[in-house]
Amino acid sequence: MLAQYSVRRPYTIIVAVIMIIVLGIISYNNMTTDLLPAMELPYIVVVTSYPGASPEKVEQAVTKPLESVLATSSGLKNISSVSRENSSVIILEYIQDTNMDSAMIELSGSIDMVSAMFDDEVGTPVMLQISPDMLPIVVASVDMEGMDIDELSKFTEETIIPAFERLDGVASVNASGLIEKQLEIVLNEEKIDDLNNKAQSEIEKELDEKRGEIEKAKEELSKGRKAIEQEFPGQKEKVSKSSAELDNAIANLNALLAEEAKLEAQKQAFQTRTARPLQHSGYMPSTHLLASRCFLP
């Protein structure tokens, strides 16, 4: 039937064939090649950084609180964690038909609740959905004739990697196996030990000198202390004796002063008694002087 129709209407068949060819060419030019088709894997990874923390501290302060909250997520099949130094990694596996976008939103709310209780040093938890697009799609090796490993490493790092990074759609380019020149310094242990011994001997010498000075000073202090202890009782006795002698001298001086006052009073009284009779009897003044000289002490 198709053959009869083609014979009766050849132009229609020609136009149809031409349209099919044109559509095929257009489809071929617009078709993109994808060697790794998009796949949605039911895995979510939560990565949290904790700089300076040991694995035990990361587990206690970060991993366990996050696990207790994330384990309540709906559709969760399995949860596992790895606590390393400075970071925590939690892997969540969901059932195959789980909506991963909804799971990401639910986990975000749960993480916000528990992250407020973390220490200030703990970083913000980051969620990553595992997919084949995360894996590198091109792996290439570099080699060039006439270059050794050092020159090839420099050429790769300075020329090839920047050229790949400038390509559209390339997120990052990482290289492995490159050789970097390093300066290695090896110390001579014998010379170090020799210098350490010399320095130690000098230090010991100075310490011995200082110890000798300290011992000498201690001996002088001990002698001075003994001299003070020996002289102190004698000085105390001398002070007591001198104080007693001073008290006796003060007492004798007071007695002499009292005696002098007493004698002065007696003298005045005697002069008064002898002067009155001489005035009444009419004796000469010279006689009064003689009598006074005779009776004066």
Protein backbone atom coordinates (compact mmCIF):
# COMPACT_ATOMS: atom_id res chain seq x y z
CA MET A 1 0.00 0.00 0.00
CA LEU A 2 2.84 2.37 0.83
CA ALA A 3 4.53 1.53 -2.47
CA GLN A 4 1.35 2.28 -4.43
CA TYR A 5 0.89 5.56 -2.55
CA SER A 6 4.52 6.51 -3.28
CA VAL A 7 4.03 5.79 -7.00
CA ARG A 8 0.81 7.79 -7.18
CA ARG A 9 2.13 10.74 -5.13
CA PRO A 10 5.90 10.99 -5.63
CA TYR A 11 6.16 14.68 -4.74
CA THR A 12 4.56 14.14 -1.37
CA ILE A 13 7.04 11.41 -0.56
CA ILE A 14 9.96 13.60 -1.70
CA VAL A 15 8.78 16.48 0.51
CA ALA A 16 8.36 14.13 3.49
CA VAL A 17 11.83 12.70 3.04
CA ILE A 18 13.32 16.20 2.77
CA MET A 19 11.53 17.29 5.98
CA ILE A 20 12.79 14.24 7.85
CA ILE A 21 16.35 14.94 6.69
CA VAL A 22 16.12 18.62 7.71
CA LEU A 23 14.67 17.79 11.12
CA GLY A 24 17.38 15.18 11.64
CA ILE A 25 20.12 17.70 10.82
CA ILE A 26 18.60 20.33 13.15
CA SER A 27 18.18 17.80 15.96
CA TYR A 28 21.73 16.54 15.58
CA ASN A 29 23.19 20.07 15.73
CA ASN A 30 21.15 21.02 18.79
CA MET A 31 21.61 17.78 20.68
CA THR A 32 24.09 17.94 23.64
CA THR A 33 26.19 14.95 24.53
CA ASP A 34 26.06 13.91 28.21
CA LEU A 35 28.24 10.95 29.03
CA LEU A 36 27.16 11.11 32.69
CA PRO A 37 23.40 11.69 32.94
CA ALA A 38 21.88 13.55 35.88
CA MET A 39 21.08 11.26 38.78
CA GLU A 40 19.68 12.09 42.18
CA LEU A 41 21.35 9.99 44.84
CA PRO A 42 19.63 9.75 48.25
CA TYR A 43 22.64 10.94 50.22
CA ILE A 44 23.28 14.18 52.13
CA VAL A 45 26.56 15.07 53.82
CA VAL A 46 26.81 17.59 56.71
CA VAL A 47 30.33 18.97 57.22
CA THR A 48 31.22 21.10 60.27
CA SER A 49 34.62 22.63 61.00
CA TYR A 50 36.07 23.04 64.53
CA PRO A 51 39.61 24.48 64.26
CA GLY A 52 42.08 23.33 66.91
CA ALA A 53 39.85 20.60 68.36
CA SER A 54 40.84 16.98 68.85
CA PRO A 55 38.70 14.13 67.44
CA GLU A 56 37.29 13.39 70.90
CA LYS A 57 36.28 17.00 71.44
CA VAL A 58 34.75 17.21 67.94
CA GLU A 59 32.67 14.11 68.65
CA GLN A 60 31.40 15.35 72.00
CA ALA A 61 30.78 19.00 71.06
CA VAL A 62 29.62 18.71 67.41
CA THR A 63 28.95 15.21 66.08
CA LYS A 64 26.72 13.85 68.84
CA PRO A 65 24.43 16.93 69.09
CA LEU A 66 24.02 17.00 65.32
CA GLU A 67 23.35 13.26 65.11
CA SER A 68 20.65 13.45 67.79
CA VAL A 69 18.82 16.16 65.83
CA LEU A 70 19.36 14.86 62.28
CA ALA A 71 18.29 11.33 63.20
CA THR A 72 14.66 12.54 63.46
CA SER A 73 14.52 13.44 59.74
CA SER A 74 11.69 11.80 57.83
CA GLY A 75 12.61 9.16 55.27
CA LEU A 76 16.04 8.57 56.83
CA LYS A 77 17.39 5.06 56.25
CA ASN A 78 20.87 5.19 57.78
CA ILE A 79 23.13 7.73 59.48
CA SER A 80 26.91 7.51 60.00
CA SER A 81 29.54 9.98 61.14
CA VAL A 82 33.28 10.50 61.11
CA SER A 83 34.94 12.77 63.70
CA ARG A 84 38.35 13.96 62.61
CA GLU A 85 40.71 16.53 63.97
CA ASN A 86 39.28 20.00 63.22
CA SER A 87 36.16 18.69 61.40
CA SER A 88 33.04 16.54 61.67
CA VAL A 89 31.39 14.68 58.76
CA ILE A 90 27.88 13.18 59.03
CA ILE A 91 26.50 11.05 56.14
CA LEU A 92 22.72 10.58 55.89
CA GLU A 93 21.21 7.92 53.60
CA TYR A 94 17.53 8.22 52.66
CA ILE A 95 14.98 5.90 51.08
CA GLN A 96 15.19 5.84 47.29
CA ASP A 97 11.91 7.68 46.58
CA THR A 98 12.55 10.49 49.12
CA ASN A 99 12.24 14.07 47.90
CA MET A 100 15.77 15.36 48.53
CA ASP A 101 14.78 19.03 48.25
CA SER A 102 12.28 18.64 51.08
CA ALA A 103 14.85 16.69 53.09
CA MET A 104 17.40 19.52 52.65
CA ILE A 105 14.89 22.10 53.92
CA GLU A 106 14.00 19.94 56.94
CA LEU A 107 17.67 19.38 57.81
CA SER A 108 18.40 23.09 57.50
CA GLY A 109 15.82 23.90 60.17
CA SER A 110 17.12 21.18 62.49
CA ILE A 111 20.72 22.34 62.11
CA ASP A 112 19.76 25.95 62.87
CA MET A 113 18.24 24.86 66.18
CA VAL A 114 21.32 23.00 67.41
CA SER A 115 24.03 25.27 65.95
CA ALA A 116 23.05 28.07 68.34
CA MET A 117 24.44 25.97 71.24
CA PHE A 118 27.84 25.40 69.64
CA ASP A 119 31.03 27.09 70.84
CA ASP A 120 32.14 30.27 69.13
CA GLU A 121 35.01 28.44 67.44
CA VAL A 122 32.70 25.97 65.69
CA GLY A 123 31.97 26.86 62.07
CA THR A 124 28.58 26.86 60.39
CA PRO A 125 27.49 23.34 59.31
CA VAL A 126 27.45 22.92 55.51
CA MET A 127 25.04 20.50 53.76
CA LEU A 128 26.03 18.83 50.49
CA GLN A 129 23.83 16.61 48.37
CA ILE A 130 25.88 13.87 46.76
CA SER A 131 25.48 13.67 42.99
CA PRO A 132 27.64 12.48 40.07
CA ASP A 133 28.08 16.14 39.06
CA MET A 134 30.31 16.61 42.12
CA LEU A 135 32.89 14.21 40.70
CA PRO A 136 35.60 15.35 38.24
CA ILE A 137 34.56 14.67 34.65
CA VAL A 138 37.97 15.00 32.97
CA VAL A 139 41.24 13.47 34.11
CA ALA A 140 44.27 14.18 31.96
CA SER A 141 47.98 13.49 32.17
CA VAL A 142 50.71 15.84 30.98
CA ASP A 143 54.00 14.91 29.36
CA MET A 144 56.45 16.71 27.09
CA GLU A 145 59.62 15.57 25.43
CA GLY A 146 62.86 17.21 26.45
CA MET A 147 61.60 18.23 29.94
CA ASP A 148 62.53 16.67 33.21
CA ILE A 149 60.10 16.35 36.08
CA ASP A 150 60.95 19.76 37.57
CA GLU A 151 60.49 21.62 34.28
CA LEU A 152 57.29 19.70 33.50
CA SER A 153 55.85 20.54 36.91
CA LYS A 154 56.62 24.21 36.42
CA PHE A 155 55.13 24.17 32.89
CA THR A 156 51.95 22.47 34.13
CA GLU A 157 51.51 24.84 37.05
CA GLU A 158 52.22 28.06 35.13
CA THR A 159 50.76 27.30 31.67
CA ILE A 160 48.36 24.35 31.48
CA ILE A 161 46.38 24.87 34.68
CA PRO A 162 45.67 28.60 34.04
CA ALA A 163 44.61 27.73 30.46
CA PHE A 164 42.08 25.14 31.70
CA GLU A 165 40.76 27.47 34.40
CA ARG A 166 39.90 30.11 31.76
CA LEU A 167 37.59 27.68 29.92
CA ASP A 168 33.84 28.21 30.23
CA GLY A 169 32.13 25.79 32.58
CA VAL A 170 35.30 24.80 34.43
CA ALA A 171 34.89 25.34 38.17
CA SER A 172 38.37 24.40 39.31
CA VAL A 173 41.48 22.55 38.18
CA ASN A 174 43.55 20.50 40.59
CA ALA A 175 46.91 18.93 39.81
CA SER A 176 48.57 16.00 41.52
CA GLY A 177 52.07 14.63 41.21
CA LEU A 178 53.77 17.99 40.79
CA ILE A 179 57.28 18.33 42.15
CA GLU A 180 58.10 21.29 44.34
CA LYS A 181 61.66 22.24 45.16
CA GLN A 182 62.38 22.35 48.84
CA LEU A 183 65.43 23.34 50.82
CA GLU A 184 66.32 20.75 53.41
CA ILE A 185 68.63 21.77 56.22
CA VAL A 186 70.39 19.00 58.12
CA LEU A 187 72.08 20.00 61.35
CA ASN A 188 75.36 18.49 62.49
CA GLU A 189 74.58 16.74 65.75
CA GLU A 190 78.25 16.62 66.82
CA LYS A 191 78.68 20.38 66.48
CA ILE A 192 75.39 20.97 68.27
CA ASP A 193 76.47 18.71 71.13
CA ASP A 194 79.87 20.46 71.25
CA LEU A 195 78.24 23.89 71.44
CA ASN A 196 75.79 22.65 74.06
CA ASN A 197 78.63 21.26 76.17
CA LYS A 198 80.59 24.52 75.93
CA ALA A 199 77.56 26.58 76.83
CA GLN A 200 76.73 24.23 79.69
CA SER A 201 80.30 24.38 81.03
CA GLU A 202 80.26 28.19 80.94
CA ILE A 203 76.93 28.25 82.71
CA GLU A 204 78.16 25.77 85.34
CA LYS A 205 81.28 27.88 85.86
CA GLU A 206 79.28 31.03 86.41
CA LEU A 207 76.92 29.14 88.70
CA ASP A 208 79.84 27.85 90.75
CA GLU A 209 81.19 31.39 91.10
CA LYS A 210 77.82 32.66 92.17
CA ARG A 211 77.42 29.78 94.59
CA GLY A 212 80.82 30.64 96.11
CA GLU A 213 79.81 34.27 96.52
CA ILE A 214 76.53 33.22 98.08
CA GLU A 215 78.28 30.87 100.52
CA LYS A 216 80.78 33.61 101.43
CA ALA A 217 77.96 36.05 102.03
CA LYS A 218 76.17 33.45 104.17
CA GLU A 219 79.32 32.98 106.27
CA GLU A 220 79.68 36.74 106.77
CA LEU A 221 76.03 36.98 107.77
CA SER A 222 76.47 34.10 110.18
CA LYS A 223 79.54 35.73 111.75
CA GLY A 224 77.74 39.04 112.06
CA ARG A 225 74.76 37.34 113.64
CA LYS A 226 76.99 35.53 116.15
CA ALA A 227 78.85 38.77 117.00
CA ILE A 228 75.57 40.55 117.60
CA GLU A 229 74.31 37.67 119.76
CA GLN A 230 77.56 37.74 121.78
CA GLU A 231 77.72 41.51 122.22
CA PHE A 232 74.05 42.03 122.91
CA PRO A 233 74.02 40.64 126.54
CA GLY A 234 77.17 42.68 127.47
CA GLN A 235 75.77 45.84 125.95
CA LYS A 236 72.52 45.28 127.74
CA GLU A 237 74.35 44.84 131.05
CA LYS A 238 76.41 47.98 130.44
CA VAL A 239 73.31 49.97 129.64
CA SER A 240 71.64 48.72 132.82
CA LYS A 241 74.74 49.56 134.91
CA SER A 242 75.05 53.01 133.37
CA SER A 243 71.37 53.67 133.98
CA ALA A 244 71.77 52.70 137.64
CA GLU A 245 74.85 54.95 138.04
CA LEU A 246 72.97 57.81 136.40
CA ASP A 247 70.08 57.32 138.80
CA ASN A 248 72.52 57.37 141.78
CA ALA A 249 74.20 60.53 140.48
CA ILE A 250 70.84 62.24 140.06
CA ALA A 251 69.87 61.20 143.60
CA ASN A 252 73.20 62.52 145.05
CA LEU A 253 72.79 65.77 143.11
CA ASN A 254 69.29 66.22 144.51
CA ALA A 255 70.62 65.53 148.04
CA LEU A 256 73.42 68.07 147.61
CA LEU A 257 71.01 70.64 146.30
CA ALA A 258 68.73 70.05 149.27
CA GLU A 259 71.69 70.30 151.67
CA GLU A 260 72.84 73.49 150.00
CA ALA A 261 69.39 75.02 150.33
CA LYS A 262 69.28 73.98 153.97
CA LEU A 263 72.70 75.54 154.70
CA GLU A 264 71.75 78.72 152.86
CA ALA A 265 68.65 78.99 155.00
CA GLN A 266 70.68 78.45 158.18
CA LYS A 267 73.20 81.09 157.07
CA GLN A 268 70.52 83.68 156.47
CA ALA A 269 68.94 82.91 159.81
CA PHE A 270 72.32 83.19 161.61
CA GLN A 271 73.13 86.52 159.94
CA THR A 272 69.79 87.86 161.04
CA ARG A 273 70.32 86.88 164.67
CA THR A 274 73.89 88.31 164.92
CA ALA A 275 73.13 91.63 163.24
CA ARG A 276 70.45 92.85 165.71
CA PRO A 277 72.53 92.81 169.02
CA LEU A 278 75.43 94.66 167.43
CA GLN A 279 73.27 97.57 166.46
CA HIS A 280 71.97 98.05 170.06
CA SER A 281 75.33 97.77 171.87
CA GLY A 282 77.11 100.32 169.73
CA TYR A 283 80.05 98.21 168.66
CA MET A 284 82.28 99.30 165.85
CA PRO A 285 81.71 97.88 162.38
CA SER A 286 85.11 96.23 162.36
CA THR A 287 84.12 94.05 165.32
CA HIS A 288 81.05 92.95 163.43
CA LEU A 289 83.18 91.87 160.52
CA LEU A 290 85.47 89.85 162.79
CA ALA A 291 82.60 88.13 164.44
CA SER A 292 81.08 87.36 161.11
CA ARG A 293 84.30 85.86 159.87
CA CYS A 294 84.62 83.73 162.92
CA PHE A 295 81.19 82.23 162.68
CA LEU A 296 80.97 81.69 158.93
CA PRO A 297 81.47 78.13 157.97
